[in-house]
N, C-alpha and C. Protein backbone atom coordinates (compact mmCIF):
# COMPACT_ATOMS: atom_id res chain seq x y z
N MET A 1 -40.53 40.07 -66.53
CA MET A 1 -40.64 38.66 -66.21
C MET A 1 -41.06 38.50 -64.75
N SER A 2 -42.00 37.64 -64.52
CA SER A 2 -42.48 37.39 -63.16
C SER A 2 -41.63 36.31 -62.49
N LEU A 3 -41.37 36.52 -61.23
CA LEU A 3 -40.65 35.53 -60.44
C LEU A 3 -41.62 34.48 -59.93
N ARG A 4 -41.11 33.28 -59.69
CA ARG A 4 -41.98 32.25 -59.13
C ARG A 4 -42.17 32.50 -57.64
N ILE A 5 -43.26 31.98 -57.11
CA ILE A 5 -43.65 32.19 -55.71
C ILE A 5 -43.45 30.89 -54.94
N LEU A 6 -42.74 30.99 -53.82
CA LEU A 6 -42.54 29.85 -52.93
C LEU A 6 -43.11 30.20 -51.56
N PHE A 7 -43.96 29.34 -51.02
CA PHE A 7 -44.54 29.55 -49.69
C PHE A 7 -43.76 28.76 -48.66
N ARG A 8 -43.40 29.41 -47.57
CA ARG A 8 -42.91 28.66 -46.41
C ARG A 8 -44.11 27.91 -45.84
N PRO A 9 -43.91 26.75 -45.23
CA PRO A 9 -45.04 25.97 -44.72
C PRO A 9 -45.94 26.75 -43.76
N ILE A 10 -45.37 27.58 -42.90
CA ILE A 10 -46.20 28.33 -41.95
C ILE A 10 -47.10 29.34 -42.67
N ALA A 11 -46.59 29.96 -43.74
CA ALA A 11 -47.38 30.91 -44.51
C ALA A 11 -48.51 30.19 -45.24
N ASP A 12 -48.22 29.01 -45.76
CA ASP A 12 -49.24 28.20 -46.43
C ASP A 12 -50.35 27.83 -45.45
N LYS A 13 -49.98 27.46 -44.23
CA LYS A 13 -50.97 27.12 -43.20
C LYS A 13 -51.78 28.34 -42.81
N GLU A 14 -51.13 29.49 -42.68
CA GLU A 14 -51.87 30.72 -42.34
C GLU A 14 -52.92 31.03 -43.39
N LEU A 15 -52.56 30.88 -44.66
CA LEU A 15 -53.52 31.14 -45.72
C LEU A 15 -54.66 30.13 -45.67
N ASP A 16 -54.34 28.86 -45.51
CA ASP A 16 -55.39 27.83 -45.41
C ASP A 16 -56.33 28.10 -44.24
N ASP A 17 -55.77 28.45 -43.09
CA ASP A 17 -56.59 28.74 -41.91
C ASP A 17 -57.50 29.95 -42.14
N ALA A 18 -56.95 30.99 -42.74
CA ALA A 18 -57.74 32.20 -43.00
C ALA A 18 -58.86 31.90 -43.99
N MET A 19 -58.56 31.13 -45.03
CA MET A 19 -59.59 30.77 -46.01
C MET A 19 -60.70 29.97 -45.34
N ALA A 20 -60.34 29.02 -44.49
CA ALA A 20 -61.33 28.21 -43.80
C ALA A 20 -62.19 29.07 -42.88
N TRP A 21 -61.56 30.01 -42.18
CA TRP A 21 -62.33 30.88 -41.28
C TRP A 21 -63.33 31.71 -42.06
N TYR A 22 -62.90 32.34 -43.15
CA TYR A 22 -63.81 33.15 -43.96
C TYR A 22 -64.91 32.29 -44.58
N GLU A 23 -64.55 31.11 -45.01
CA GLU A 23 -65.55 30.21 -45.62
C GLU A 23 -66.60 29.81 -44.59
N SER A 24 -66.20 29.67 -43.32
CA SER A 24 -67.16 29.31 -42.27
C SER A 24 -68.12 30.46 -41.99
N LYS A 25 -67.73 31.68 -42.31
CA LYS A 25 -68.59 32.84 -42.09
C LYS A 25 -69.59 33.04 -43.23
N LYS A 26 -69.13 32.74 -44.45
CA LYS A 26 -70.00 32.91 -45.62
C LYS A 26 -69.45 32.06 -46.76
N ALA A 27 -70.30 31.26 -47.35
CA ALA A 27 -69.88 30.40 -48.47
C ALA A 27 -69.30 31.26 -49.60
N GLY A 28 -68.14 30.88 -50.06
CA GLY A 28 -67.48 31.58 -51.15
C GLY A 28 -66.50 32.65 -50.72
N LEU A 29 -66.57 33.06 -49.44
CA LEU A 29 -65.70 34.13 -48.98
C LEU A 29 -64.24 33.68 -48.87
N GLY A 30 -64.04 32.41 -48.54
CA GLY A 30 -62.68 31.88 -48.51
C GLY A 30 -62.04 31.92 -49.89
N ALA A 31 -62.83 31.61 -50.91
CA ALA A 31 -62.32 31.67 -52.29
C ALA A 31 -62.02 33.12 -52.69
N GLU A 32 -62.81 34.05 -52.19
CA GLU A 32 -62.55 35.46 -52.49
C GLU A 32 -61.25 35.92 -51.84
N LEU A 33 -60.97 35.45 -50.64
CA LEU A 33 -59.68 35.76 -50.00
C LEU A 33 -58.55 35.19 -50.85
N LYS A 34 -58.68 33.96 -51.28
CA LYS A 34 -57.64 33.32 -52.11
C LYS A 34 -57.41 34.12 -53.39
N GLU A 35 -58.49 34.58 -53.99
CA GLU A 35 -58.37 35.39 -55.20
C GLU A 35 -57.63 36.70 -54.92
N ALA A 36 -57.91 37.33 -53.79
CA ALA A 36 -57.22 38.57 -53.41
C ALA A 36 -55.74 38.30 -53.18
N VAL A 37 -55.41 37.19 -52.53
CA VAL A 37 -54.01 36.82 -52.31
C VAL A 37 -53.32 36.56 -53.64
N ASP A 38 -53.97 35.82 -54.52
CA ASP A 38 -53.39 35.53 -55.84
C ASP A 38 -53.12 36.81 -56.62
N HIS A 39 -54.04 37.75 -56.54
CA HIS A 39 -53.86 39.03 -57.24
C HIS A 39 -52.64 39.77 -56.67
N ALA A 40 -52.52 39.80 -55.34
CA ALA A 40 -51.38 40.46 -54.71
C ALA A 40 -50.08 39.75 -55.07
N LEU A 41 -50.10 38.42 -55.10
CA LEU A 41 -48.89 37.67 -55.45
C LEU A 41 -48.45 37.96 -56.88
N LYS A 42 -49.40 38.14 -57.76
CA LYS A 42 -49.07 38.49 -59.15
C LYS A 42 -48.37 39.85 -59.20
N ARG A 43 -48.89 40.82 -58.44
CA ARG A 43 -48.27 42.14 -58.39
C ARG A 43 -46.87 42.06 -57.79
N ILE A 44 -46.73 41.25 -56.73
CA ILE A 44 -45.42 41.08 -56.09
C ILE A 44 -44.42 40.47 -57.08
N ALA A 45 -44.82 39.41 -57.76
CA ALA A 45 -43.93 38.71 -58.69
C ALA A 45 -43.49 39.61 -59.84
N GLU A 46 -44.35 40.51 -60.27
CA GLU A 46 -44.03 41.40 -61.38
C GLU A 46 -43.03 42.49 -60.98
N ASN A 47 -43.15 42.98 -59.72
CA ASN A 47 -42.27 44.07 -59.29
C ASN A 47 -42.18 44.11 -57.76
N PRO A 48 -41.38 43.22 -57.18
CA PRO A 48 -41.30 43.16 -55.72
C PRO A 48 -40.77 44.43 -55.07
N GLY A 49 -39.98 45.19 -55.79
CA GLY A 49 -39.40 46.41 -55.24
C GLY A 49 -40.39 47.52 -54.99
N ARG A 50 -41.58 47.41 -55.50
CA ARG A 50 -42.58 48.46 -55.29
C ARG A 50 -43.20 48.41 -53.90
N PHE A 51 -42.93 47.34 -53.16
CA PHE A 51 -43.53 47.18 -51.83
C PHE A 51 -42.53 47.59 -50.75
N ARG A 52 -43.07 48.15 -49.70
CA ARG A 52 -42.27 48.72 -48.62
C ARG A 52 -41.52 47.65 -47.82
N ARG A 53 -40.29 47.95 -47.50
CA ARG A 53 -39.53 47.09 -46.59
C ARG A 53 -40.06 47.30 -45.17
N VAL A 54 -40.19 46.20 -44.45
CA VAL A 54 -40.66 46.30 -43.07
C VAL A 54 -39.63 45.82 -42.06
N ARG A 55 -38.68 45.02 -42.49
CA ARG A 55 -37.64 44.50 -41.59
C ARG A 55 -36.53 43.90 -42.45
N GLY A 56 -35.37 44.54 -42.45
CA GLY A 56 -34.28 44.07 -43.30
C GLY A 56 -34.70 44.08 -44.76
N GLU A 57 -34.59 42.93 -45.41
CA GLU A 57 -35.00 42.80 -46.80
C GLU A 57 -36.45 42.33 -46.95
N VAL A 58 -37.12 42.06 -45.84
CA VAL A 58 -38.51 41.59 -45.88
C VAL A 58 -39.42 42.75 -46.27
N ARG A 59 -40.31 42.46 -47.21
CA ARG A 59 -41.27 43.46 -47.69
C ARG A 59 -42.69 43.01 -47.37
N ARG A 60 -43.62 43.96 -47.48
CA ARG A 60 -45.01 43.66 -47.14
C ARG A 60 -45.94 44.23 -48.21
N ALA A 61 -46.90 43.39 -48.60
CA ALA A 61 -47.97 43.82 -49.51
C ALA A 61 -49.29 43.68 -48.77
N LEU A 62 -50.04 44.77 -48.71
CA LEU A 62 -51.34 44.75 -48.04
C LEU A 62 -52.42 44.35 -49.04
N LEU A 63 -53.35 43.52 -48.57
CA LEU A 63 -54.50 43.19 -49.40
C LEU A 63 -55.48 44.35 -49.35
N ARG A 64 -56.22 44.55 -50.39
CA ARG A 64 -57.14 45.69 -50.44
C ARG A 64 -58.44 45.42 -49.71
N ARG A 65 -59.00 44.25 -49.86
CA ARG A 65 -60.32 43.99 -49.31
C ARG A 65 -60.28 43.33 -47.93
N PHE A 66 -59.28 42.57 -47.67
CA PHE A 66 -59.18 41.80 -46.43
C PHE A 66 -58.07 42.37 -45.55
N PRO A 67 -58.19 42.23 -44.23
CA PRO A 67 -57.18 42.80 -43.33
C PRO A 67 -55.96 41.89 -43.18
N TYR A 68 -55.32 41.60 -44.29
CA TYR A 68 -54.15 40.71 -44.30
C TYR A 68 -53.01 41.37 -45.06
N ALA A 69 -51.82 40.97 -44.67
CA ALA A 69 -50.60 41.41 -45.35
C ALA A 69 -49.81 40.17 -45.73
N ILE A 70 -49.17 40.24 -46.87
CA ILE A 70 -48.26 39.19 -47.30
C ILE A 70 -46.85 39.69 -47.04
N HIS A 71 -46.13 39.01 -46.17
CA HIS A 71 -44.74 39.34 -45.89
C HIS A 71 -43.88 38.40 -46.74
N PHE A 72 -42.95 38.99 -47.49
CA PHE A 72 -42.18 38.18 -48.42
C PHE A 72 -40.74 38.65 -48.49
N LEU A 73 -39.92 37.76 -48.98
CA LEU A 73 -38.51 38.01 -49.16
C LEU A 73 -38.19 37.84 -50.64
N PRO A 74 -37.83 38.92 -51.32
CA PRO A 74 -37.46 38.77 -52.73
C PRO A 74 -36.06 38.16 -52.84
N GLU A 75 -35.95 37.13 -53.64
CA GLU A 75 -34.66 36.50 -53.92
C GLU A 75 -34.43 36.58 -55.43
N PRO A 76 -33.23 36.34 -55.88
CA PRO A 76 -32.94 36.50 -57.32
C PRO A 76 -33.85 35.68 -58.24
N GLN A 77 -34.20 34.46 -57.85
CA GLN A 77 -34.98 33.59 -58.72
C GLN A 77 -36.41 33.36 -58.27
N ALA A 78 -36.79 33.88 -57.09
CA ALA A 78 -38.12 33.59 -56.56
C ALA A 78 -38.51 34.61 -55.49
N ILE A 79 -39.78 34.60 -55.19
CA ILE A 79 -40.34 35.34 -54.06
C ILE A 79 -40.67 34.31 -53.00
N VAL A 80 -40.15 34.48 -51.80
CA VAL A 80 -40.42 33.56 -50.70
C VAL A 80 -41.44 34.22 -49.78
N VAL A 81 -42.63 33.62 -49.71
CA VAL A 81 -43.70 34.14 -48.84
C VAL A 81 -43.44 33.61 -47.44
N LEU A 82 -43.20 34.54 -46.52
CA LEU A 82 -42.91 34.21 -45.14
C LEU A 82 -44.16 34.13 -44.28
N ALA A 83 -45.17 34.96 -44.62
CA ALA A 83 -46.38 35.02 -43.80
C ALA A 83 -47.54 35.57 -44.61
N VAL A 84 -48.72 35.07 -44.30
CA VAL A 84 -49.98 35.66 -44.73
C VAL A 84 -50.63 36.03 -43.40
N PHE A 85 -50.49 37.29 -43.02
CA PHE A 85 -50.62 37.71 -41.64
C PHE A 85 -51.76 38.70 -41.45
N HIS A 86 -52.66 38.41 -40.51
CA HIS A 86 -53.75 39.35 -40.18
C HIS A 86 -53.13 40.61 -39.62
N THR A 87 -53.57 41.75 -40.08
CA THR A 87 -52.93 43.02 -39.71
C THR A 87 -53.17 43.41 -38.25
N ARG A 88 -54.08 42.75 -37.57
CA ARG A 88 -54.29 43.06 -36.15
C ARG A 88 -53.52 42.14 -35.21
N ARG A 89 -52.83 41.17 -35.77
CA ARG A 89 -52.00 40.30 -34.93
C ARG A 89 -50.73 41.03 -34.50
N ASP A 90 -50.17 40.58 -33.42
CA ASP A 90 -48.94 41.15 -32.89
C ASP A 90 -47.79 40.81 -33.84
N PRO A 91 -47.10 41.82 -34.37
CA PRO A 91 -46.00 41.55 -35.30
C PRO A 91 -44.85 40.77 -34.69
N GLN A 92 -44.81 40.65 -33.36
CA GLN A 92 -43.78 39.85 -32.72
C GLN A 92 -43.83 38.41 -33.20
N HIS A 93 -45.00 37.94 -33.64
CA HIS A 93 -45.15 36.57 -34.15
C HIS A 93 -44.36 36.36 -35.44
N LEU A 94 -43.92 37.44 -36.05
CA LEU A 94 -43.16 37.32 -37.31
C LEU A 94 -41.67 37.20 -37.07
N GLU A 95 -41.22 37.45 -35.85
CA GLU A 95 -39.80 37.39 -35.56
C GLU A 95 -39.22 36.02 -35.93
N GLY A 96 -38.07 36.05 -36.55
CA GLY A 96 -37.38 34.82 -36.89
C GLY A 96 -37.84 34.15 -38.16
N ARG A 97 -38.72 34.78 -38.92
CA ARG A 97 -39.20 34.14 -40.16
C ARG A 97 -38.32 34.41 -41.37
N ALA A 98 -37.49 35.43 -41.31
CA ALA A 98 -36.68 35.76 -42.49
C ALA A 98 -35.51 34.82 -42.65
């Protein structure tokens, strides 16, 4: 059974900003990023334990095509997405999100 996905507002904004940036570089690329995120979210919802812990109970799923990671917190009834984070950003920006 797949868990439902809940985005924190900051993670939702990060995804929107990243999609807009990619779309400004090439038409359709923002949609391709969204598709990659959706695919990763499906994998996360099916089996969150397969992803590595990075801080406490927070886990990370790397996207295959884009340099982004989804940081999430598995909860009993849902997956809480804390960040859609570019892998070259300073991880200090993630402090306090859990």
